[in-house]
Amino acid sequence: FQGAIERAFELLDFTLGDPRWQKRLKEIARARELLCDAIFGGKEYKSSLENLERYFFQFALASRLRK
């Protein structure tokens, strides 16, 4: 679990540093912030890993259907 979380943050940080995503930085930074909140118990935004999984699954599904 710890390795997966570290990798998720690594990928989000790489994405934030990639100029191709310049117009989406706010959204990506918010996703990172919500992931932090979920990991630390959802105290700030009431986030949970289950809610984040449900949210991101929709994007994964849409991406898969486009191919």
PDB file of N, CA and C in Angstrom:
ATOM      1  N   PHE A   1       0.819  -1.196   0.000  1.00  0.00           N
ATOM      2  CA  PHE A   1       0.000   0.000   0.000  1.00  0.00           C
ATOM      3  C   PHE A   1       0.863   1.261   0.000  1.00  0.00           C
ATOM      4  N   GLN A   2       1.867   1.285   0.854  1.00  0.00           N
ATOM      5  CA  GLN A   2       2.736   2.459   0.962  1.00  0.00           C
ATOM      6  C   GLN A   2       3.431   2.757  -0.363  1.00  0.00           C
ATOM      7  N   GLY A   3       3.905   1.708  -1.030  1.00  0.00           N
ATOM      8  CA  GLY A   3       4.572   1.891  -2.318  1.00  0.00           C
ATOM      9  C   GLY A   3       3.636   2.462  -3.369  1.00  0.00           C
ATOM     10  N   ALA A   4       2.393   2.018  -3.367  1.00  0.00           N
ATOM     11  CA  ALA A   4       1.409   2.519  -4.331  1.00  0.00           C
ATOM     12  C   ALA A   4       1.110   3.995  -4.080  1.00  0.00           C
ATOM     13  N   ILE A   5       1.022   4.373  -2.822  1.00  0.00           N
ATOM     14  CA  ILE A   5       0.764   5.774  -2.477  1.00  0.00           C
ATOM     15  C   ILE A   5       1.942   6.644  -2.903  1.00  0.00           C
ATOM     16  N   GLU A   6       3.152   6.179  -2.610  1.00  0.00           N
ATOM     17  CA  GLU A   6       4.342   6.937  -3.014  1.00  0.00           C
ATOM     18  C   GLU A   6       4.387   7.101  -4.527  1.00  0.00           C
ATOM     19  N   ARG A   7       4.050   6.041  -5.253  1.00  0.00           N
ATOM     20  CA  ARG A   7       4.051   6.103  -6.716  1.00  0.00           C
ATOM     21  C   ARG A   7       2.978   7.065  -7.224  1.00  0.00           C
ATOM     22  N   ALA A   8       1.821   7.066  -6.594  1.00  0.00           N
ATOM     23  CA  ALA A   8       0.750   7.988  -6.991  1.00  0.00           C
ATOM     24  C   ALA A   8       1.209   9.436  -6.843  1.00  0.00           C
ATOM     25  N   PHE A   9       1.860   9.738  -5.717  1.00  0.00           N
ATOM     26  CA  PHE A   9       2.363  11.098  -5.526  1.00  0.00           C
ATOM     27  C   PHE A   9       3.466  11.426  -6.527  1.00  0.00           C
ATOM     28  N   GLU A  10       4.316  10.463  -6.793  1.00  0.00           N
ATOM     29  CA  GLU A  10       5.384  10.669  -7.766  1.00  0.00           C
ATOM     30  C   GLU A  10       4.797  11.007  -9.137  1.00  0.00           C
ATOM     31  N   LEU A  11       3.797  10.256  -9.564  1.00  0.00           N
ATOM     32  CA  LEU A  11       3.175  10.506 -10.866  1.00  0.00           C
ATOM     33  C   LEU A  11       2.447  11.849 -10.902  1.00  0.00           C
ATOM     34  N   LEU A  12       1.761  12.182  -9.820  1.00  0.00           N
ATOM     35  CA  LEU A  12       1.099  13.486  -9.771  1.00  0.00           C
ATOM     36  C   LEU A  12       2.121  14.618  -9.819  1.00  0.00           C
ATOM     37  N   ASP A  13       3.227  14.464  -9.103  1.00  0.00           N
ATOM     38  CA  ASP A  13       4.266  15.496  -9.112  1.00  0.00           C
ATOM     39  C   ASP A  13       4.918  15.631 -10.487  1.00  0.00           C
ATOM     40  N   PHE A  14       5.177  14.508 -11.149  1.00  0.00           N
ATOM     41  CA  PHE A  14       5.723  14.567 -12.513  1.00  0.00           C
ATOM     42  C   PHE A  14       4.747  15.274 -13.446  1.00  0.00           C
ATOM     43  N   THR A  15       3.477  14.965 -13.299  1.00  0.00           N
ATOM     44  CA  THR A  15       2.454  15.583 -14.145  1.00  0.00           C
ATOM     45  C   THR A  15       2.384  17.082 -13.886  1.00  0.00           C
ATOM     46  N   LEU A  16       2.465  17.478 -12.629  1.00  0.00           N
ATOM     47  CA  LEU A  16       2.449  18.909 -12.306  1.00  0.00           C
ATOM     48  C   LEU A  16       3.652  19.638 -12.897  1.00  0.00           C
ATOM     49  N   GLY A  17       4.766  18.944 -13.039  1.00  0.00           N
ATOM     50  CA  GLY A  17       5.972  19.551 -13.596  1.00  0.00           C
ATOM     51  C   GLY A  17       6.049  19.513 -15.112  1.00  0.00           C
ATOM     52  N   ASP A  18       5.105  18.850 -15.749  1.00  0.00           N
ATOM     53  CA  ASP A  18       5.110  18.701 -17.204  1.00  0.00           C
ATOM     54  C   ASP A  18       4.387  19.884 -17.847  1.00  0.00           C
ATOM     55  N   PRO A  19       5.074  20.643 -18.702  1.00  0.00           N
ATOM     56  CA  PRO A  19       4.457  21.830 -19.305  1.00  0.00           C
ATOM     57  C   PRO A  19       3.239  21.520 -20.181  1.00  0.00           C
ATOM     58  N   ARG A  20       3.095  20.298 -20.638  1.00  0.00           N
ATOM     59  CA  ARG A  20       1.927  19.951 -21.460  1.00  0.00           C
ATOM     60  C   ARG A  20       0.624  20.061 -20.674  1.00  0.00           C
ATOM     61  N   TRP A  21       0.712  20.000 -19.354  1.00  0.00           N
ATOM     62  CA  TRP A  21      -0.478  20.043 -18.511  1.00  0.00           C
ATOM     63  C   TRP A  21      -0.675  21.413 -17.860  1.00  0.00           C
ATOM     64  N   GLN A  22      -0.023  22.419 -18.397  1.00  0.00           N
ATOM     65  CA  GLN A  22      -0.053  23.768 -17.827  1.00  0.00           C
ATOM     66  C   GLN A  22      -1.478  24.272 -17.580  1.00  0.00           C
ATOM     67  N   LYS A  23      -2.379  23.994 -18.507  1.00  0.00           N
ATOM     68  CA  LYS A  23      -3.750  24.502 -18.368  1.00  0.00           C
ATOM     69  C   LYS A  23      -4.581  23.706 -17.367  1.00  0.00           C
ATOM     70  N   ARG A  24      -4.066  22.579 -16.912  1.00  0.00           N
ATOM     71  CA  ARG A  24      -4.796  21.717 -15.979  1.00  0.00           C
ATOM     72  C   ARG A  24      -4.137  21.644 -14.597  1.00  0.00           C
ATOM     73  N   LEU A  25      -3.181  22.515 -14.335  1.00  0.00           N
ATOM     74  CA  LEU A  25      -2.437  22.439 -13.075  1.00  0.00           C
ATOM     75  C   LEU A  25      -3.337  22.529 -11.847  1.00  0.00           C
ATOM     76  N   LYS A  26      -4.304  23.400 -11.902  1.00  0.00           N
ATOM     77  CA  LYS A  26      -5.191  23.590 -10.757  1.00  0.00           C
ATOM     78  C   LYS A  26      -5.943  22.288 -10.431  1.00  0.00           C
ATOM     79  N   GLU A  27      -6.461  21.640 -11.465  1.00  0.00           N
ATOM     80  CA  GLU A  27      -7.211  20.398 -11.279  1.00  0.00           C
ATOM     81  C   GLU A  27      -6.309  19.273 -10.761  1.00  0.00           C
ATOM     82  N   ILE A  28      -5.104  19.182 -11.306  1.00  0.00           N
ATOM     83  CA  ILE A  28      -4.167  18.130 -10.894  1.00  0.00           C
ATOM     84  C   ILE A  28      -3.693  18.370  -9.457  1.00  0.00           C
ATOM     85  N   ALA A  29      -3.406  19.617  -9.137  1.00  0.00           N
ATOM     86  CA  ALA A  29      -2.985  19.952  -7.770  1.00  0.00           C
ATOM     87  C   ALA A  29      -4.108  19.658  -6.772  1.00  0.00           C
ATOM     88  N   ARG A  30      -5.321  19.892  -7.187  1.00  0.00           N
ATOM     89  CA  ARG A  30      -6.465  19.603  -6.318  1.00  0.00           C
ATOM     90  C   ARG A  30      -6.594  18.100  -6.085  1.00  0.00           C
ATOM     91  N   ALA A  31      -6.381  17.305  -7.135  1.00  0.00           N
ATOM     92  CA  ALA A  31      -6.426  15.843  -6.998  1.00  0.00           C
ATOM     93  C   ALA A  31      -5.360  15.378  -6.014  1.00  0.00           C
ATOM     94  N   ARG A  32      -4.175  15.983  -6.090  1.00  0.00           N
ATOM     95  CA  ARG A  32      -3.089  15.636  -5.168  1.00  0.00           C
ATOM     96  C   ARG A  32      -3.477  15.981  -3.727  1.00  0.00           C
ATOM     97  N   GLU A  33      -4.082  17.140  -3.571  1.00  0.00           N
ATOM     98  CA  GLU A  33      -4.515  17.586  -2.247  1.00  0.00           C
ATOM     99  C   GLU A  33      -5.584  16.646  -1.669  1.00  0.00           C
ATOM    100  N   LEU A  34      -6.511  16.214  -2.503  1.00  0.00           N
ATOM    101  CA  LEU A  34      -7.555  15.293  -2.048  1.00  0.00           C
ATOM    102  C   LEU A  34      -6.987  13.924  -1.706  1.00  0.00           C
ATOM    103  N   LEU A  35      -5.975  13.489  -2.455  1.00  0.00           N
ATOM    104  CA  LEU A  35      -5.318  12.223  -2.135  1.00  0.00           C
ATOM    105  C   LEU A  35      -4.653  12.317  -0.760  1.00  0.00           C
ATOM    106  N   CYS A  36      -3.966  13.413  -0.512  1.00  0.00           N
ATOM    107  CA  CYS A  36      -3.356  13.632   0.818  1.00  0.00           C
ATOM    108  C   CYS A  36      -4.424  13.577   1.905  1.00  0.00           C
ATOM    109  N   ASP A  37      -5.520  14.260   1.673  1.00  0.00           N
ATOM    110  CA  ASP A  37      -6.593  14.287   2.659  1.00  0.00           C
ATOM    111  C   ASP A  37      -7.131  12.887   2.922  1.00  0.00           C
ATOM    112  N   ALA A  38      -7.350  12.124   1.862  1.00  0.00           N
ATOM    113  CA  ALA A  38      -7.885  10.765   2.017  1.00  0.00           C
ATOM    114  C   ALA A  38      -6.931   9.881   2.811  1.00  0.00           C
ATOM    115  N   ILE A  39      -5.654  10.004   2.540  1.00  0.00           N
ATOM    116  CA  ILE A  39      -4.660   9.181   3.230  1.00  0.00           C
ATOM    117  C   ILE A  39      -4.612   9.505   4.723  1.00  0.00           C
ATOM    118  N   PHE A  40      -4.792  10.775   5.041  1.00  0.00           N
ATOM    119  CA  PHE A  40      -4.732  11.183   6.445  1.00  0.00           C
ATOM    120  C   PHE A  40      -6.104  11.226   7.115  1.00  0.00           C
ATOM    121  N   GLY A  41      -7.040  10.475   6.566  1.00  0.00           N
ATOM    122  CA  GLY A  41      -8.319  10.290   7.242  1.00  0.00           C
ATOM    123  C   GLY A  41      -9.457  11.190   6.805  1.00  0.00           C
ATOM    124  N   GLY A  42      -9.262  12.012   5.785  1.00  0.00           N
ATOM    125  CA  GLY A  42     -10.349  12.842   5.280  1.00  0.00           C
ATOM    126  C   GLY A  42     -10.797  13.936   6.223  1.00  0.00           C
ATOM    127  N   LYS A  43      -9.886  14.415   7.042  1.00  0.00           N
ATOM    128  CA  LYS A  43     -10.257  15.406   8.061  1.00  0.00           C
ATOM    129  C   LYS A  43     -10.601  16.772   7.471  1.00  0.00           C
ATOM    130  N   GLU A  44      -9.923  17.161   6.410  1.00  0.00           N
ATOM    131  CA  GLU A  44     -10.131  18.491   5.829  1.00  0.00           C
ATOM    132  C   GLU A  44     -11.322  18.521   4.868  1.00  0.00           C
ATOM    133  N   TYR A  45     -11.369  17.574   3.936  1.00  0.00           N
ATOM    134  CA  TYR A  45     -12.390  17.587   2.883  1.00  0.00           C
ATOM    135  C   TYR A  45     -13.321  16.378   2.927  1.00  0.00           C
ATOM    136  N   LYS A  46     -13.174  15.544   3.930  1.00  0.00           N
ATOM    137  CA  LYS A  46     -13.975  14.315   4.046  1.00  0.00           C
ATOM    138  C   LYS A  46     -13.741  13.378   2.861  1.00  0.00           C
ATOM    139  N   SER A  47     -12.521  13.378   2.335  1.00  0.00           N
ATOM    140  CA  SER A  47     -12.155  12.504   1.220  1.00  0.00           C
ATOM    141  C   SER A  47     -11.924  11.091   1.720  1.00  0.00           C
ATOM    142  N   SER A  48     -12.130  10.145   0.829  1.00  0.00           N
ATOM    143  CA  SER A  48     -11.784   8.756   1.133  1.00  0.00           C
ATOM    144  C   SER A  48     -11.173   8.151  -0.122  1.00  0.00           C
ATOM    145  N   LEU A  49     -10.377   7.122   0.070  1.00  0.00           N
ATOM    146  CA  LEU A  49      -9.776   6.455  -1.084  1.00  0.00           C
ATOM    147  C   LEU A  49     -10.857   5.840  -1.968  1.00  0.00           C
ATOM    148  N   GLU A  50     -11.936   5.373  -1.374  1.00  0.00           N
ATOM    149  CA  GLU A  50     -13.038   4.797  -2.144  1.00  0.00           C
ATOM    150  C   GLU A  50     -13.683   5.847  -3.044  1.00  0.00           C
ATOM    151  N   ASN A  51     -13.895   7.043  -2.511  1.00  0.00           N
ATOM    152  CA  ASN A  51     -14.480   8.123  -3.318  1.00  0.00           C
ATOM    153  C   ASN A  51     -13.555   8.525  -4.458  1.00  0.00           C
ATOM    154  N   LEU A  52     -12.267   8.598  -4.175  1.00  0.00           N
ATOM    155  CA  LEU A  52     -11.314   8.951  -5.227  1.00  0.00           C
ATOM    156  C   LEU A  52     -11.263   7.872  -6.301  1.00  0.00           C
ATOM    157  N   GLU A  53     -11.317   6.627  -5.877  1.00  0.00           N
ATOM    158  CA  GLU A  53     -11.314   5.532  -6.851  1.00  0.00           C
ATOM    159  C   GLU A  53     -12.548   5.617  -7.751  1.00  0.00           C
ATOM    160  N   ARG A  54     -13.691   5.872  -7.170  1.00  0.00           N
ATOM    161  CA  ARG A  54     -14.925   6.014  -7.944  1.00  0.00           C
ATOM    162  C   ARG A  54     -14.817   7.175  -8.939  1.00  0.00           C
ATOM    163  N   TYR A  55     -14.267   8.291  -8.486  1.00  0.00           N
ATOM    164  CA  TYR A  55     -14.111   9.473  -9.337  1.00  0.00           C
ATOM    165  C   TYR A  55     -13.174   9.187 -10.510  1.00  0.00           C
ATOM    166  N   PHE A  56     -11.992   8.636 -10.222  1.00  0.00           N
ATOM    167  CA  PHE A  56     -11.005   8.410 -11.278  1.00  0.00           C
ATOM    168  C   PHE A  56     -11.370   7.241 -12.182  1.00  0.00           C
ATOM    169  N   PHE A  57     -12.168   6.311 -11.688  1.00  0.00           N
ATOM    170  CA  PHE A  57     -12.586   5.186 -12.519  1.00  0.00           C
ATOM    171  C   PHE A  57     -13.361   5.672 -13.735  1.00  0.00           C
ATOM    172  N   GLN A  58     -14.148   6.709 -13.573  1.00  0.00           N
ATOM    173  CA  GLN A  58     -14.915   7.254 -14.695  1.00  0.00           C
ATOM    174  C   GLN A  58     -13.988   7.737 -15.810  1.00  0.00           C
ATOM    175  N   PHE A  59     -12.878   8.360 -15.449  1.00  0.00           N
ATOM    176  CA  PHE A  59     -11.915   8.817 -16.451  1.00  0.00           C
ATOM    177  C   PHE A  59     -11.213   7.642 -17.115  1.00  0.00           C
ATOM    178  N   ALA A  60     -10.880   6.631 -16.332  1.00  0.00           N
ATOM    179  CA  ALA A  60     -10.237   5.439 -16.885  1.00  0.00           C
ATOM    180  C   ALA A  60     -11.175   4.747 -17.864  1.00  0.00           C
ATOM    181  N   LEU A  61     -12.426   4.659 -17.514  1.00  0.00           N
ATOM    182  CA  LEU A  61     -13.417   4.029 -18.382  1.00  0.00           C
ATOM    183  C   LEU A  61     -13.584   4.818 -19.677  1.00  0.00           C
ATOM    184  N   ALA A  62     -13.701   6.124 -19.573  1.00  0.00           N
ATOM    185  CA  ALA A  62     -13.845   6.965 -20.766  1.00  0.00           C
ATOM    186  C   ALA A  62     -12.622   6.841 -21.665  1.00  0.00           C
ATOM    187  N   SER A  63     -11.452   6.807 -21.070  1.00  0.00           N
ATOM    188  CA  SER A  63     -10.220   6.666 -21.845  1.00  0.00           C
ATOM    189  C   SER A  63     -10.189   5.330 -22.565  1.00  0.00           C
ATOM    190  N   ARG A  64     -10.628   4.298 -21.882  1.00  0.00           N
ATOM    191  CA  ARG A  64     -10.638   2.954 -22.459  1.00  0.00           C
ATOM    192  C   ARG A  64     -11.623   2.864 -23.627  1.00  0.00           C
ATOM    193  N   LEU A  65     -12.760   3.517 -23.493  1.00  0.00           N
ATOM    194  CA  LEU A  65     -13.779   3.468 -24.540  1.00  0.00           C
ATOM    195  C   LEU A  65     -13.357   4.226 -25.794  1.00  0.00           C
ATOM    196  N   ARG A  66     -12.488   5.207 -25.643  1.00  0.00           N
ATOM    197  CA  ARG A  66     -12.001   5.983 -26.793  1.00  0.00           C
ATOM    198  C   ARG A  66     -11.086   5.189 -27.699  1.00  0.00           C
ATOM    199  N   LYS A  67     -10.418   4.183 -27.153  1.00  0.00           N
ATOM    200  CA  LYS A  67      -9.430   3.426 -27.930  1.00  0.00           C
ATOM    201  C   LYS A  67     -10.072   2.494 -28.911  1.00  0.00           C
TER     202      LYS A  67
END
